Amino acid sequence: MANAVFYHKPDSIYDDDPATRYHFPRSYLSRVEKTLGDWIVYYGPQIGRKSRYYSATARATHIEQDSVQKDCYYVFLNDYIDFDQPLDYRENGGYEKKLLNGDGTPERRLYPSRSAYA
């Protein structure tokens, strides 16, 4: 088991329902498999804000292949908890400094547009 951060944005092309399922491409399957039974944290943009935020947490339970898009999967979630307020990833000096470039932008090699971080 491994904790992970799942990137989610409201206008995503993926078929997410943050409280129950996270939709992702096959390229992240091995990473997402490591999260089963453990907690994930949602990270993404907040509408009308310039920064990115942590917004919720949930427990990953199982994975199923997408029956329509065969190159995608769903990880199903339980115990979803929406944070009372968004938590800025730069708060308290930043929670993920090792994953940022010198200018404060996310390192794309480690932060692809759709992934789970184990």
PDB file of N, CA and C in Angstrom:
ATOM      1  N   MET A   1       0.835  -1.182   0.000  1.00  0.00           N
ATOM      2  CA  MET A   1       0.000   0.000   0.000  1.00  0.00           C
ATOM      3  C   MET A   1       0.878   1.244   0.000  1.00  0.00           C
ATOM      4  N   ALA A   2       0.332   2.305  -0.583  1.00  0.00           N
ATOM      5  CA  ALA A   2       1.057   3.575  -0.637  1.00  0.00           C
ATOM      6  C   ALA A   2       0.066   4.729  -0.665  1.00  0.00           C
ATOM      7  N   ASN A   3       0.428   5.787   0.024  1.00  0.00           N
ATOM      8  CA  ASN A   3      -0.349   7.015  -0.078  1.00  0.00           C
ATOM      9  C   ASN A   3      -0.042   7.646  -1.422  1.00  0.00           C
ATOM     10  N   ALA A   4      -0.967   8.457  -1.929  1.00  0.00           N
ATOM     11  CA  ALA A   4      -0.754   9.085  -3.227  1.00  0.00           C
ATOM     12  C   ALA A   4      -1.540  10.383  -3.321  1.00  0.00           C
ATOM     13  N   VAL A   5      -1.149  11.197  -4.292  1.00  0.00           N
ATOM     14  CA  VAL A   5      -1.859  12.430  -4.613  1.00  0.00           C
ATOM     15  C   VAL A   5      -2.443  12.242  -6.004  1.00  0.00           C
ATOM     16  N   PHE A   6      -3.756  12.401  -6.138  1.00  0.00           N
ATOM     17  CA  PHE A   6      -4.434  12.299  -7.428  1.00  0.00           C
ATOM     18  C   PHE A   6      -4.765  13.707  -7.903  1.00  0.00           C
ATOM     19  N   TYR A   7      -4.399  14.008  -9.136  1.00  0.00           N
ATOM     20  CA  TYR A   7      -4.713  15.313  -9.721  1.00  0.00           C
ATOM     21  C   TYR A   7      -6.129  15.275 -10.288  1.00  0.00           C
ATOM     22  N   HIS A   8      -6.940  16.255  -9.920  1.00  0.00           N
ATOM     23  CA  HIS A   8      -8.309  16.331 -10.425  1.00  0.00           C
ATOM     24  C   HIS A   8      -8.676  17.790 -10.683  1.00  0.00           C
ATOM     25  N   LYS A   9      -9.337  18.023 -11.806  1.00  0.00           N
ATOM     26  CA  LYS A   9      -9.875  19.359 -12.066  1.00  0.00           C
ATOM     27  C   LYS A   9     -11.307  19.191 -12.574  1.00  0.00           C
ATOM     28  N   PRO A  10     -12.171  20.115 -12.210  1.00  0.00           N
ATOM     29  CA  PRO A  10     -13.594  19.988 -12.537  1.00  0.00           C
ATOM     30  C   PRO A  10     -13.904  19.799 -14.014  1.00  0.00           C
ATOM     31  N   ASP A  11     -13.137  20.407 -14.913  1.00  0.00           N
ATOM     32  CA  ASP A  11     -13.415  20.306 -16.347  1.00  0.00           C
ATOM     33  C   ASP A  11     -12.556  19.242 -17.045  1.00  0.00           C
ATOM     34  N   SER A  12     -12.134  18.251 -16.307  1.00  0.00           N
ATOM     35  CA  SER A  12     -11.278  17.188 -16.830  1.00  0.00           C
ATOM     36  C   SER A  12     -11.960  16.412 -17.956  1.00  0.00           C
ATOM     37  N   ILE A  13     -11.169  15.872 -18.864  1.00  0.00           N
ATOM     38  CA  ILE A  13     -11.700  15.003 -19.920  1.00  0.00           C
ATOM     39  C   ILE A  13     -11.987  13.604 -19.392  1.00  0.00           C
ATOM     40  N   TYR A  14     -11.559  13.316 -18.162  1.00  0.00           N
ATOM     41  CA  TYR A  14     -11.745  11.998 -17.574  1.00  0.00           C
ATOM     42  C   TYR A  14     -13.096  11.895 -16.879  1.00  0.00           C
ATOM     43  N   ASP A  15     -13.575  10.684 -16.727  1.00  0.00           N
ATOM     44  CA  ASP A  15     -14.884  10.398 -16.150  1.00  0.00           C
ATOM     45  C   ASP A  15     -14.772  10.209 -14.635  1.00  0.00           C
ATOM     46  N   ASP A  16     -14.339  11.262 -13.958  1.00  0.00           N
ATOM     47  CA  ASP A  16     -14.167  11.207 -12.509  1.00  0.00           C
ATOM     48  C   ASP A  16     -15.468  11.554 -11.789  1.00  0.00           C
ATOM     49  N   ASP A  17     -15.663  10.951 -10.670  1.00  0.00           N
ATOM     50  CA  ASP A  17     -16.628  11.378  -9.653  1.00  0.00           C
ATOM     51  C   ASP A  17     -15.800  11.333  -8.375  1.00  0.00           C
ATOM     52  N   PRO A  18     -15.246  12.466  -7.957  1.00  0.00           N
ATOM     53  CA  PRO A  18     -14.245  12.461  -6.890  1.00  0.00           C
ATOM     54  C   PRO A  18     -14.610  11.666  -5.637  1.00  0.00           C
ATOM     55  N   ALA A  19     -15.873  11.596  -5.304  1.00  0.00           N
ATOM     56  CA  ALA A  19     -16.271  10.880  -4.090  1.00  0.00           C
ATOM     57  C   ALA A  19     -16.301   9.364  -4.270  1.00  0.00           C
ATOM     58  N   THR A  20     -16.385   8.886  -5.532  1.00  0.00           N
ATOM     59  CA  THR A  20     -16.541   7.446  -5.735  1.00  0.00           C
ATOM     60  C   THR A  20     -15.547   6.797  -6.683  1.00  0.00           C
ATOM     61  N   ARG A  21     -15.021   7.548  -7.669  1.00  0.00           N
ATOM     62  CA  ARG A  21     -14.122   6.919  -8.647  1.00  0.00           C
ATOM     63  C   ARG A  21     -13.182   7.944  -9.272  1.00  0.00           C
ATOM     64  N   TYR A  22     -12.020   7.450  -9.675  1.00  0.00           N
ATOM     65  CA  TYR A  22     -11.007   8.260 -10.358  1.00  0.00           C
ATOM     66  C   TYR A  22     -10.649   7.529 -11.639  1.00  0.00           C
ATOM     67  N   HIS A  23     -10.744   8.205 -12.765  1.00  0.00           N
ATOM     68  CA  HIS A  23     -10.525   7.643 -14.094  1.00  0.00           C
ATOM     69  C   HIS A  23      -9.116   8.001 -14.557  1.00  0.00           C
ATOM     70  N   PHE A  24      -8.378   7.038 -15.066  1.00  0.00           N
ATOM     71  CA  PHE A  24      -6.984   7.300 -15.431  1.00  0.00           C
ATOM     72  C   PHE A  24      -6.541   6.398 -16.580  1.00  0.00           C
ATOM     73  N   PRO A  25      -5.487   6.810 -17.319  1.00  0.00           N
ATOM     74  CA  PRO A  25      -4.975   6.007 -18.422  1.00  0.00           C
ATOM     75  C   PRO A  25      -4.117   4.829 -17.931  1.00  0.00           C
ATOM     76  N   ARG A  26      -3.982   3.842 -18.785  1.00  0.00           N
ATOM     77  CA  ARG A  26      -3.217   2.627 -18.481  1.00  0.00           C
ATOM     78  C   ARG A  26      -1.786   2.930 -18.017  1.00  0.00           C
ATOM     79  N   SER A  27      -1.197   4.005 -18.509  1.00  0.00           N
ATOM     80  CA  SER A  27       0.198   4.311 -18.172  1.00  0.00           C
ATOM     81  C   SER A  27       0.407   4.511 -16.671  1.00  0.00           C
ATOM     82  N   TYR A  28      -0.664   4.779 -15.911  1.00  0.00           N
ATOM     83  CA  TYR A  28      -0.539   4.978 -14.464  1.00  0.00           C
ATOM     84  C   TYR A  28      -1.050   3.798 -13.642  1.00  0.00           C
ATOM     85  N   LEU A  29      -1.400   2.714 -14.314  1.00  0.00           N
ATOM     86  CA  LEU A  29      -1.982   1.567 -13.612  1.00  0.00           C
ATOM     87  C   LEU A  29      -1.072   1.023 -12.510  1.00  0.00           C
ATOM     88  N   SER A  30       0.203   0.837 -12.791  1.00  0.00           N
ATOM     89  CA  SER A  30       1.094   0.261 -11.776  1.00  0.00           C
ATOM     90  C   SER A  30       1.225   1.167 -10.553  1.00  0.00           C
ATOM     91  N   ARG A  31       1.167   2.481 -10.757  1.00  0.00           N
ATOM     92  CA  ARG A  31       1.232   3.417  -9.627  1.00  0.00           C
ATOM     93  C   ARG A  31      -0.052   3.373  -8.807  1.00  0.00           C
ATOM     94  N   VAL A  32      -1.185   3.371  -9.498  1.00  0.00           N
ATOM     95  CA  VAL A  32      -2.471   3.377  -8.801  1.00  0.00           C
ATOM     96  C   VAL A  32      -2.682   2.056  -8.054  1.00  0.00           C
ATOM     97  N   GLU A  33      -2.219   0.954  -8.607  1.00  0.00           N
ATOM     98  CA  GLU A  33      -2.350  -0.340  -7.919  1.00  0.00           C
ATOM     99  C   GLU A  33      -1.703  -0.302  -6.533  1.00  0.00           C
ATOM    100  N   LYS A  34      -0.628   0.436  -6.391  1.00  0.00           N
ATOM    101  CA  LYS A  34       0.066   0.526  -5.101  1.00  0.00           C
ATOM    102  C   LYS A  34      -0.753   1.251  -4.039  1.00  0.00           C
ATOM    103  N   THR A  35      -1.772   2.009  -4.458  1.00  0.00           N
ATOM    104  CA  THR A  35      -2.575   2.783  -3.502  1.00  0.00           C
ATOM    105  C   THR A  35      -3.724   1.980  -2.902  1.00  0.00           C
ATOM    106  N   LEU A  36      -4.022   0.817  -3.437  1.00  0.00           N
ATOM    107  CA  LEU A  36      -5.191   0.061  -2.975  1.00  0.00           C
ATOM    108  C   LEU A  36      -5.116  -0.214  -1.474  1.00  0.00           C
ATOM    109  N   GLY A  37      -6.208   0.109  -0.790  1.00  0.00           N
ATOM    110  CA  GLY A  37      -6.278  -0.075   0.655  1.00  0.00           C
ATOM    111  C   GLY A  37      -5.756   1.103   1.443  1.00  0.00           C
ATOM    112  N   ASP A  38      -5.213   2.088   0.761  1.00  0.00           N
ATOM    113  CA  ASP A  38      -4.613   3.223   1.448  1.00  0.00           C
ATOM    114  C   ASP A  38      -5.313   4.520   1.040  1.00  0.00           C
ATOM    115  N   TRP A  39      -4.894   5.608   1.658  1.00  0.00           N
ATOM    116  CA  TRP A  39      -5.487   6.918   1.445  1.00  0.00           C
ATOM    117  C   TRP A  39      -4.836   7.652   0.289  1.00  0.00           C
ATOM    118  N   ILE A  40      -5.657   8.400  -0.451  1.00  0.00           N
ATOM    119  CA  ILE A  40      -5.171   9.319  -1.476  1.00  0.00           C
ATOM    120  C   ILE A  40      -5.624  10.729  -1.074  1.00  0.00           C
ATOM    121  N   VAL A  41      -4.954  11.722  -1.630  1.00  0.00           N
ATOM    122  CA  VAL A  41      -5.333  13.114  -1.433  1.00  0.00           C
ATOM    123  C   VAL A  41      -5.562  13.706  -2.812  1.00  0.00           C
ATOM    124  N   TYR A  42      -6.640  14.466  -2.972  1.00  0.00           N
ATOM    125  CA  TYR A  42      -6.908  15.160  -4.229  1.00  0.00           C
ATOM    126  C   TYR A  42      -6.185  16.495  -4.261  1.00  0.00           C
ATOM    127  N   TYR A  43      -5.622  16.776  -5.425  1.00  0.00           N
ATOM    128  CA  TYR A  43      -4.871  18.005  -5.668  1.00  0.00           C
ATOM    129  C   TYR A  43      -5.353  18.554  -7.000  1.00  0.00           C
ATOM    130  N   GLY A  44      -5.493  19.854  -7.115  1.00  0.00           N
ATOM    131  CA  GLY A  44      -5.893  20.427  -8.391  1.00  0.00           C
ATOM    132  C   GLY A  44      -6.131  21.906  -8.289  1.00  0.00           C
ATOM    133  N   PRO A  45      -6.527  22.511  -9.398  1.00  0.00           N
ATOM    134  CA  PRO A  45      -6.771  23.957  -9.412  1.00  0.00           C
ATOM    135  C   PRO A  45      -8.102  24.294  -8.746  1.00  0.00           C
ATOM    136  N   GLN A  46      -8.165  25.460  -8.174  1.00  0.00           N
ATOM    137  CA  GLN A  46      -9.417  25.967  -7.625  1.00  0.00           C
ATOM    138  C   GLN A  46      -9.903  27.077  -8.549  1.00  0.00           C
ATOM    139  N   ILE A  47     -11.138  27.052  -8.894  1.00  0.00           N
ATOM    140  CA  ILE A  47     -11.721  28.040  -9.791  1.00  0.00           C
ATOM    141  C   ILE A  47     -11.493  29.447  -9.227  1.00  0.00           C
ATOM    142  N   GLY A  48     -10.963  30.333 -10.069  1.00  0.00           N
ATOM    143  CA  GLY A  48     -10.757  31.718  -9.679  1.00  0.00           C
ATOM    144  C   GLY A  48      -9.521  31.979  -8.835  1.00  0.00           C
ATOM    145  N   ARG A  49      -8.663  30.981  -8.657  1.00  0.00           N
ATOM    146  CA  ARG A  49      -7.439  31.168  -7.879  1.00  0.00           C
ATOM    147  C   ARG A  49      -6.236  30.847  -8.755  1.00  0.00           C
ATOM    148  N   LYS A  50      -5.110  31.457  -8.431  1.00  0.00           N
ATOM    149  CA  LYS A  50      -3.907  31.249  -9.232  1.00  0.00           C
ATOM    150  C   LYS A  50      -3.102  30.037  -8.795  1.00  0.00           C
ATOM    151  N   SER A  51      -3.341  29.559  -7.607  1.00  0.00           N
ATOM    152  CA  SER A  51      -2.552  28.461  -7.064  1.00  0.00           C
ATOM    153  C   SER A  51      -3.321  27.145  -7.132  1.00  0.00           C
ATOM    154  N   ARG A  52      -2.632  26.088  -6.806  1.00  0.00           N
ATOM    155  CA  ARG A  52      -3.252  24.758  -6.743  1.00  0.00           C
ATOM    156  C   ARG A  52      -3.448  24.372  -5.284  1.00  0.00           C
ATOM    157  N   TYR A  53      -4.424  23.498  -5.064  1.00  0.00           N
ATOM    158  CA  TYR A  53      -4.826  23.179  -3.698  1.00  0.00           C
ATOM    159  C   TYR A  53      -5.114  21.702  -3.508  1.00  0.00           C
ATOM    160  N   TYR A  54      -4.921  21.268  -2.279  1.00  0.00           N
ATOM    161  CA  TYR A  54      -5.415  19.965  -1.848  1.00  0.00           C
ATOM    162  C   TYR A  54      -6.864  20.192  -1.438  1.00  0.00           C
ATOM    163  N   SER A  55      -7.749  19.290  -1.795  1.00  0.00           N
ATOM    164  CA  SER A  55      -9.164  19.557  -1.561  1.00  0.00           C
ATOM    165  C   SER A  55      -9.932  18.444  -0.852  1.00  0.00           C
ATOM    166  N   ALA A  56      -9.421  17.224  -0.857  1.00  0.00           N
ATOM    167  CA  ALA A  56     -10.169  16.111  -0.265  1.00  0.00           C
ATOM    168  C   ALA A  56      -9.252  14.903  -0.093  1.00  0.00           C
ATOM    169  N   THR A  57      -9.771  13.906   0.587  1.00  0.00           N
ATOM    170  CA  THR A  57      -9.059  12.643   0.751  1.00  0.00           C
ATOM    171  C   THR A  57     -10.058  11.499   0.623  1.00  0.00           C
ATOM    172  N   ALA A  58      -9.575  10.321   0.286  1.00  0.00           N
ATOM    173  CA  ALA A  58     -10.423   9.133   0.145  1.00  0.00           C
ATOM    174  C   ALA A  58      -9.539   7.895   0.227  1.00  0.00           C
ATOM    175  N   ARG A  59     -10.170   6.746   0.382  1.00  0.00           N
ATOM    176  CA  ARG A  59      -9.439   5.475   0.437  1.00  0.00           C
ATOM    177  C   ARG A  59      -9.673   4.710  -0.871  1.00  0.00           C
ATOM    178  N   ALA A  60      -8.592   4.279  -1.512  1.00  0.00           N
ATOM    179  CA  ALA A  60      -8.669   3.504  -2.759  1.00  0.00           C
ATOM    180  C   ALA A  60      -9.026   2.058  -2.428  1.00  0.00           C
ATOM    181  N   THR A  61     -10.050   1.514  -3.099  1.00  0.00           N
ATOM    182  CA  THR A  61     -10.506   0.164  -2.758  1.00  0.00           C
ATOM    183  C   THR A  61     -10.230  -0.889  -3.820  1.00  0.00           C
ATOM    184  N   HIS A  62     -10.552  -0.597  -5.071  1.00  0.00           N
ATOM    185  CA  HIS A  62     -10.298  -1.570  -6.139  1.00  0.00           C
ATOM    186  C   HIS A  62     -10.257  -0.870  -7.493  1.00  0.00           C
ATOM    187  N   ILE A  63      -9.745  -1.596  -8.485  1.00  0.00           N
ATOM    188  CA  ILE A  63      -9.564  -1.057  -9.838  1.00  0.00           C
ATOM    189  C   ILE A  63     -10.336  -1.925 -10.819  1.00  0.00           C
ATOM    190  N   GLU A  64     -10.957  -1.260 -11.800  1.00  0.00           N
ATOM    191  CA  GLU A  64     -11.632  -1.965 -12.887  1.00  0.00           C
ATOM    192  C   GLU A  64     -11.265  -1.288 -14.205  1.00  0.00           C
ATOM    193  N   GLN A  65     -11.139  -2.098 -15.247  1.00  0.00           N
ATOM    194  CA  GLN A  65     -10.876  -1.534 -16.567  1.00  0.00           C
ATOM    195  C   GLN A  65     -12.136  -0.839 -17.070  1.00  0.00           C
ATOM    196  N   ASP A  66     -11.966   0.275 -17.759  1.00  0.00           N
ATOM    197  CA  ASP A  66     -13.076   0.997 -18.368  1.00  0.00           C
ATOM    198  C   ASP A  66     -13.628   0.134 -19.500  1.00  0.00           C
ATOM    199  N   SER A  67     -14.922  -0.135 -19.497  1.00  0.00           N
ATOM    200  CA  SER A  67     -15.511  -0.999 -20.529  1.00  0.00           C
ATOM    201  C   SER A  67     -15.665  -0.289 -21.870  1.00  0.00           C
ATOM    202  N   VAL A  68     -15.594   1.032 -21.886  1.00  0.00           N
ATOM    203  CA  VAL A  68     -15.722   1.796 -23.127  1.00  0.00           C
ATOM    204  C   VAL A  68     -14.354   2.170 -23.677  1.00  0.00           C
ATOM    205  N   GLN A  69     -13.511   2.768 -22.836  1.00  0.00           N
ATOM    206  CA  GLN A  69     -12.154   3.150 -23.229  1.00  0.00           C
ATOM    207  C   GLN A  69     -11.204   2.091 -22.678  1.00  0.00           C
ATOM    208  N   LYS A  70     -10.849   1.135 -23.489  1.00  0.00           N
ATOM    209  CA  LYS A  70     -10.044  -0.003 -23.031  1.00  0.00           C
ATOM    210  C   LYS A  70      -8.655   0.387 -22.552  1.00  0.00           C
ATOM    211  N   ASP A  71      -8.177   1.575 -22.909  1.00  0.00           N
ATOM    212  CA  ASP A  71      -6.858   2.023 -22.462  1.00  0.00           C
ATOM    213  C   ASP A  71      -6.944   2.825 -21.161  1.00  0.00           C
ATOM    214  N   CYS A  72      -8.117   2.824 -20.511  1.00  0.00           N
ATOM    215  CA  CYS A  72      -8.303   3.540 -19.250  1.00  0.00           C
ATOM    216  C   CYS A  72      -8.865   2.620 -18.175  1.00  0.00           C
ATOM    217  N   TYR A  73      -8.724   3.069 -16.930  1.00  0.00           N
ATOM    218  CA  TYR A  73      -9.188   2.312 -15.768  1.00  0.00           C
ATOM    219  C   TYR A  73      -9.879   3.247 -14.786  1.00  0.00           C
ATOM    220  N   TYR A  74     -10.592   2.639 -13.857  1.00  0.00           N
ATOM    221  CA  TYR A  74     -11.173   3.363 -12.730  1.00  0.00           C
ATOM    222  C   TYR A  74     -10.605   2.785 -11.449  1.00  0.00           C
ATOM    223  N   VAL A  75     -10.245   3.650 -10.522  1.00  0.00           N
ATOM    224  CA  VAL A  75      -9.985   3.201  -9.163  1.00  0.00           C
ATOM    225  C   VAL A  75     -11.186   3.684  -8.361  1.00  0.00           C
ATOM    226  N   PHE A  76     -11.787   2.783  -7.613  1.00  0.00           N
ATOM    227  CA  PHE A  76     -12.971   3.124  -6.835  1.00  0.00           C
ATOM    228  C   PHE A  76     -12.563   3.505  -5.419  1.00  0.00           C
ATOM    229  N   LEU A  77     -13.320   4.432  -4.848  1.00  0.00           N
ATOM    230  CA  LEU A  77     -12.948   5.067  -3.586  1.00  0.00           C
ATOM    231  C   LEU A  77     -14.058   4.950  -2.550  1.00  0.00           C
ATOM    232  N   ASN A  78     -13.662   4.882  -1.289  1.00  0.00           N
ATOM    233  CA  ASN A  78     -14.574   4.925  -0.141  1.00  0.00           C
ATOM    234  C   ASN A  78     -14.057   5.969   0.833  1.00  0.00           C
ATOM    235  N   ASP A  79     -14.856   6.262   1.820  1.00  0.00           N
ATOM    236  CA  ASP A  79     -14.452   7.138   2.929  1.00  0.00           C
ATOM    237  C   ASP A  79     -14.013   8.524   2.466  1.00  0.00           C
ATOM    238  N   TYR A  80     -14.673   9.047   1.442  1.00  0.00           N
ATOM    239  CA  TYR A  80     -14.345  10.369   0.898  1.00  0.00           C
ATOM    240  C   TYR A  80     -14.596  11.448   1.944  1.00  0.00           C
ATOM    241  N   ILE A  81     -13.636  12.354   2.096  1.00  0.00           N
ATOM    242  CA  ILE A  81     -13.770  13.492   3.010  1.00  0.00           C
ATOM    243  C   ILE A  81     -13.343  14.750   2.254  1.00  0.00           C
ATOM    244  N   ASP A  82     -14.294  15.648   2.055  1.00  0.00           N
ATOM    245  CA  ASP A  82     -14.023  16.938   1.428  1.00  0.00           C
ATOM    246  C   ASP A  82     -13.468  17.864   2.503  1.00  0.00           C
ATOM    247  N   PHE A  83     -12.349  18.530   2.247  1.00  0.00           N
ATOM    248  CA  PHE A  83     -11.775  19.444   3.236  1.00  0.00           C
ATOM    249  C   PHE A  83     -12.712  20.626   3.472  1.00  0.00           C
ATOM    250  N   ASP A  84     -12.721  21.158   4.686  1.00  0.00           N
ATOM    251  CA  ASP A  84     -13.541  22.330   5.003  1.00  0.00           C
ATOM    252  C   ASP A  84     -13.195  23.506   4.117  1.00  0.00           C
ATOM    253  N   GLN A  85     -11.917  23.627   3.792  1.00  0.00           N
ATOM    254  CA  GLN A  85     -11.452  24.677   2.893  1.00  0.00           C
ATOM    255  C   GLN A  85     -10.244  24.144   2.133  1.00  0.00           C
ATOM    256  N   PRO A  86      -9.999  24.660   0.920  1.00  0.00           N
ATOM    257  CA  PRO A  86      -8.839  24.201   0.147  1.00  0.00           C
ATOM    258  C   PRO A  86      -7.541  24.504   0.891  1.00  0.00           C
ATOM    259  N   LEU A  87      -6.582  23.599   0.770  1.00  0.00           N
ATOM    260  CA  LEU A  87      -5.284  23.757   1.418  1.00  0.00           C
ATOM    261  C   LEU A  87      -4.249  24.044   0.334  1.00  0.00           C
ATOM    262  N   ASP A  88      -3.730  25.256   0.327  1.00  0.00           N
ATOM    263  CA  ASP A  88      -2.751  25.674  -0.679  1.00  0.00           C
ATOM    264  C   ASP A  88      -1.494  24.817  -0.541  1.00  0.00           C
ATOM    265  N   TYR A  89      -1.024  24.270  -1.650  1.00  0.00           N
ATOM    266  CA  TYR A  89       0.160  23.405  -1.582  1.00  0.00           C
ATOM    267  C   TYR A  89       1.423  24.165  -1.210  1.00  0.00           C
ATOM    268  N   ARG A  90       1.377  25.496  -1.224  1.00  0.00           N
ATOM    269  CA  ARG A  90       2.532  26.302  -0.836  1.00  0.00           C
ATOM    270  C   ARG A  90       2.458  26.742   0.630  1.00  0.00           C
ATOM    271  N   GLU A  91       1.357  26.408   1.300  1.00  0.00           N
ATOM    272  CA  GLU A  91       1.186  26.814   2.695  1.00  0.00           C
ATOM    273  C   GLU A  91       2.310  26.252   3.566  1.00  0.00           C
ATOM    274  N   ASN A  92       2.668  27.000   4.585  1.00  0.00           N
ATOM    275  CA  ASN A  92       3.741  26.589   5.509  1.00  0.00           C
ATOM    276  C   ASN A  92       5.046  26.279   4.780  1.00  0.00           C
ATOM    277  N   GLY A  93       5.335  27.043   3.762  1.00  0.00           N
ATOM    278  CA  GLY A  93       6.585  26.850   3.027  1.00  0.00           C
ATOM    279  C   GLY A  93       6.506  25.826   1.925  1.00  0.00           C
ATOM    280  N   GLY A  94       5.376  25.189   1.755  1.00  0.00           N
ATOM    281  CA  GLY A  94       5.193  24.223   0.668  1.00  0.00           C
ATOM    282  C   GLY A  94       5.294  22.791   1.143  1.00  0.00           C
ATOM    283  N   TYR A  95       4.336  22.002   0.715  1.00  0.00           N
ATOM    284  CA  TYR A  95       4.289  20.598   1.127  1.00  0.00           C
ATOM    285  C   TYR A  95       5.033  19.669   0.181  1.00  0.00           C
ATOM    286  N   GLU A  96       5.301  20.114  -1.022  1.00  0.00           N
ATOM    287  CA  GLU A  96       5.936  19.241  -2.004  1.00  0.00           C
ATOM    288  C   GLU A  96       7.112  19.925  -2.685  1.00  0.00           C
ATOM    289  N   LYS A  97       7.953  20.580  -1.906  1.00  0.00           N
ATOM    290  CA  LYS A  97       9.070  21.346  -2.475  1.00  0.00           C
ATOM    291  C   LYS A  97       9.931  20.534  -3.430  1.00  0.00           C
ATOM    292  N   LYS A  98      10.118  19.277  -3.164  1.00  0.00           N
ATOM    293  CA  LYS A  98      10.975  18.463  -4.009  1.00  0.00           C
ATOM    294  C   LYS A  98      10.381  18.234  -5.388  1.00  0.00           C
ATOM    295  N   LEU A  99       9.096  18.530  -5.559  1.00  0.00           N
ATOM    296  CA  LEU A  99       8.435  18.304  -6.834  1.00  0.00           C
ATOM    297  C   LEU A  99       8.245  19.586  -7.630  1.00  0.00           C
ATOM    298  N   LEU A 100       8.860  20.674  -7.181  1.00  0.00           N
ATOM    299  CA  LEU A 100       8.705  21.957  -7.850  1.00  0.00           C
ATOM    300  C   LEU A 100       9.997  22.404  -8.530  1.00  0.00           C
ATOM    301  N   ASN A 101       9.833  23.127  -9.623  1.00  0.00           N
ATOM    302  CA  ASN A 101      10.969  23.770 -10.281  1.00  0.00           C
ATOM    303  C   ASN A 101      11.388  24.966  -9.448  1.00  0.00           C
ATOM    304  N   GLY A 102      12.506  25.562  -9.755  1.00  0.00           N
ATOM    305  CA  GLY A 102      12.996  26.723  -9.032  1.00  0.00           C
ATOM    306  C   GLY A 102      12.039  27.909  -9.053  1.00  0.00           C
ATOM    307  N   ASP A 103      11.202  28.006 -10.097  1.00  0.00           N
ATOM    308  CA  ASP A 103      10.251  29.118 -10.185  1.00  0.00           C
ATOM    309  C   ASP A 103       8.921  28.823  -9.499  1.00  0.00           C
ATOM    310  N   GLY A 104       8.821  27.654  -8.838  1.00  0.00           N
ATOM    311  CA  GLY A 104       7.604  27.316  -8.105  1.00  0.00           C
ATOM    312  C   GLY A 104       6.553  26.579  -8.910  1.00  0.00           C
ATOM    313  N   THR A 105       6.809  26.335 -10.191  1.00  0.00           N
ATOM    314  CA  THR A 105       5.848  25.588 -11.007  1.00  0.00           C
ATOM    315  C   THR A 105       6.083  24.091 -10.834  1.00  0.00           C
ATOM    316  N   PRO A 106       5.036  23.274 -11.020  1.00  0.00           N
ATOM    317  CA  PRO A 106       5.206  21.827 -10.876  1.00  0.00           C
ATOM    318  C   PRO A 106       6.183  21.254 -11.900  1.00  0.00           C
ATOM    319  N   GLU A 107       7.010  20.331 -11.468  1.00  0.00           N
ATOM    320  CA  GLU A 107       7.943  19.623 -12.352  1.00  0.00           C
ATOM    321  C   GLU A 107       7.116  18.674 -13.209  1.00  0.00           C
ATOM    322  N   ARG A 108       7.025  18.929 -14.498  1.00  0.00           N
ATOM    323  CA  ARG A 108       6.158  18.133 -15.383  1.00  0.00           C
ATOM    324  C   ARG A 108       6.590  16.668 -15.472  1.00  0.00           C
ATOM    325  N   ARG A 109       7.843  16.388 -15.329  1.00  0.00           N
ATOM    326  CA  ARG A 109       8.301  14.998 -15.372  1.00  0.00           C
ATOM    327  C   ARG A 109       7.670  14.212 -14.228  1.00  0.00           C
ATOM    328  N   LEU A 110       7.479  14.862 -13.082  1.00  0.00           N
ATOM    329  CA  LEU A 110       6.894  14.212 -11.919  1.00  0.00           C
ATOM    330  C   LEU A 110       5.411  14.501 -11.776  1.00  0.00           C
ATOM    331  N   TYR A 111       4.936  15.565 -12.390  1.00  0.00           N
ATOM    332  CA  TYR A 111       3.546  15.993 -12.290  1.00  0.00           C
ATOM    333  C   TYR A 111       2.886  15.995 -13.663  1.00  0.00           C
ATOM    334  N   PRO A 112       2.725  14.860 -14.299  1.00  0.00           N
ATOM    335  CA  PRO A 112       2.025  14.863 -15.582  1.00  0.00           C
ATOM    336  C   PRO A 112       0.580  15.300 -15.385  1.00  0.00           C
ATOM    337  N   SER A 113      -0.119  15.569 -16.456  1.00  0.00           N
ATOM    338  CA  SER A 113      -1.467  16.120 -16.348  1.00  0.00           C
ATOM    339  C   SER A 113      -2.446  15.162 -15.694  1.00  0.00           C
ATOM    340  N   ARG A 114      -2.205  13.888 -15.683  1.00  0.00           N
ATOM    341  CA  ARG A 114      -3.100  12.934 -15.051  1.00  0.00           C
ATOM    342  C   ARG A 114      -2.234  11.846 -14.428  1.00  0.00           C
ATOM    343  N   SER A 115      -2.135  11.833 -13.111  1.00  0.00           N
ATOM    344  CA  SER A 115      -1.336  10.767 -12.525  1.00  0.00           C
ATOM    345  C   SER A 115      -1.628  10.606 -11.057  1.00  0.00           C
ATOM    346  N   ALA A 116      -1.091   9.565 -10.526  1.00  0.00           N
ATOM    347  CA  ALA A 116      -1.130   9.313  -9.087  1.00  0.00           C
ATOM    348  C   ALA A 116       0.303   9.228  -8.615  1.00  0.00           C
ATOM    349  N   TYR A 117       0.628   9.815  -7.529  1.00  0.00           N
ATOM    350  CA  TYR A 117       1.990   9.837  -7.045  1.00  0.00           C
ATOM    351  C   TYR A 117       2.092   8.895  -5.860  1.00  0.00           C
ATOM    352  N   ALA A 118       2.895   7.907  -5.998  1.00  0.00           N
ATOM    353  CA  ALA A 118       3.060   6.949  -4.903  1.00  0.00           C
ATOM    354  C   ALA A 118       4.290   7.279  -4.118  1.00  0.00           C
TER     355      ALA A 118
END
